[in-house]
Protein backbone atom coordinates (compact mmCIF):
# COMPACT_ATOMS: atom_id res chain seq x y z
CA MET A 1 0.04 0.07 -0.07
CA PHE A 2 2.94 2.53 0.99
CA ARG A 3 6.11 2.58 -1.06
CA ASN A 4 8.03 3.69 2.05
CA ILE A 5 7.60 5.01 5.36
CA ILE A 6 7.42 8.64 4.38
CA ASP A 7 4.55 7.75 2.18
CA GLN A 8 2.69 6.32 4.96
CA LEU A 9 3.46 9.57 6.98
CA ARG A 10 2.30 11.80 4.11
CA ILE A 11 -1.20 9.81 3.82
CA VAL A 12 -1.69 9.31 7.63
CA GLY A 13 -1.04 13.09 7.94
CA PHE A 14 -3.31 14.00 5.24
CA ILE A 15 -6.30 11.88 6.71
CA GLU A 16 -5.37 13.19 10.10
CA GLY A 17 -5.69 16.77 8.86
CA ILE A 18 -9.01 15.94 7.26
CA SER A 19 -10.45 14.61 10.69
CA PHE A 20 -8.91 17.77 12.59
CA LEU A 21 -10.97 19.86 10.24
CA LEU A 22 -13.97 17.66 10.50
CA LEU A 23 -13.77 18.11 14.26
CA LEU A 24 -13.21 21.62 14.28
CA PHE A 25 -15.71 22.87 11.66
CA ILE A 26 -18.46 20.33 11.62
CA ALA A 27 -18.33 18.37 14.93
CA MET A 28 -17.49 21.30 17.46
CA PRO A 29 -20.44 23.60 15.87
CA LEU A 30 -22.79 20.62 16.12
CA LYS A 31 -21.87 20.27 19.90
CA TYR A 32 -22.12 24.03 21.06
CA MET A 33 -24.68 25.24 18.59
CA PHE A 34 -27.12 22.41 18.23
CA ASN A 35 -26.50 20.38 21.32
CA GLN A 36 -25.25 17.26 19.51
CA PRO A 37 -22.30 16.16 21.51
CA LEU A 38 -22.10 12.60 19.92
CA ALA A 39 -20.44 14.15 16.75
CA VAL A 40 -17.54 15.15 19.07
CA THR A 41 -17.47 11.94 20.63
CA ILE A 42 -17.16 10.02 17.32
CA VAL A 43 -15.06 12.39 15.26
CA GLY A 44 -12.85 13.37 18.33
CA GLY A 45 -12.39 9.53 18.82
CA LEU A 46 -11.31 9.00 15.19
CA HIS A 47 -9.12 11.98 15.10
CA GLY A 48 -7.42 10.57 18.42
CA ILE A 49 -6.62 7.36 16.88
CA LEU A 50 -5.39 9.27 13.76
CA PHE A 51 -3.26 11.61 15.68
CA VAL A 52 -1.47 8.77 17.68
CA TRP A 53 -0.86 6.78 14.30
CA PHE A 54 0.69 9.92 12.82
CA MET A 55 2.89 10.49 15.94
CA ILE A 56 4.03 6.68 15.95
CA VAL A 57 4.89 6.95 12.26
CA LEU A 58 6.62 10.32 12.76
CA GLY A 59 8.88 8.70 15.43
CA ILE A 60 9.54 5.61 13.10
CA VAL A 61 10.62 8.27 10.48
CA THR A 62 12.60 10.40 12.75
CA LEU A 63 14.77 7.27 13.87
CA ARG A 64 15.09 5.64 10.35
CA TYR A 65 15.99 9.00 8.48
CA LYS A 66 17.59 10.67 11.56
CA TRP A 67 15.59 13.84 11.19
CA SER A 68 16.75 16.89 13.06
CA VAL A 69 14.80 18.18 16.00
CA LYS A 70 13.85 21.32 13.92
CA LYS A 71 12.23 19.01 11.31
CA VAL A 72 10.39 16.80 13.73
CA ALA A 73 9.34 19.86 15.61
CA GLY A 74 7.89 21.27 12.20
CA ALA A 75 6.00 17.95 11.67
CA VAL A 76 4.41 18.25 15.33
CA LEU A 77 3.32 21.82 14.85
CA ALA A 78 1.89 21.02 11.40
CA SER A 79 -0.21 18.36 12.95
CA VAL A 80 -1.77 20.84 15.63
CA ILE A 81 -2.51 23.95 13.19
CA PRO A 82 -5.53 23.47 11.04
CA PHE A 83 -4.42 22.69 7.46
CA GLY A 84 -0.70 22.23 8.79
CA THR A 85 -0.60 18.42 7.63
CA PHE A 86 -1.64 19.50 4.19
CA VAL A 87 1.50 21.78 3.97
CA LEU A 88 3.60 18.89 5.54
CA GLU A 89 2.20 16.44 2.94
CA ARG A 90 3.08 18.67 -0.01
CA ARG A 91 6.87 19.28 1.46
CA LEU A 92 7.23 15.61 2.15
CA ARG A 93 5.96 14.75 -1.56
CA ASP A 94 8.10 16.99 -3.04
CA GLN A 95 11.00 15.44 -1.27
CA VAL A 96 10.26 11.91 -2.42
């Protein structure tokens, strides 16, 4: 499915980024504007799993490719900023 571990990081990051946007822009408004907390429970749980998967793959990439602290910090920062993982995915795609 993945050519290498960087491809896996790119794809997981992209999916994690989508789940983050769904959480911020769909599930959270449903919870607070329409009193529908189930949306946050479902999307938040999925996002949490994807975030942990992203961090595990990032750890593997860091060890395998001996990424610098600056590069790892950039990837972690990208995972907590809306649209950040899409920028990261683009940069990683251009590297490969």
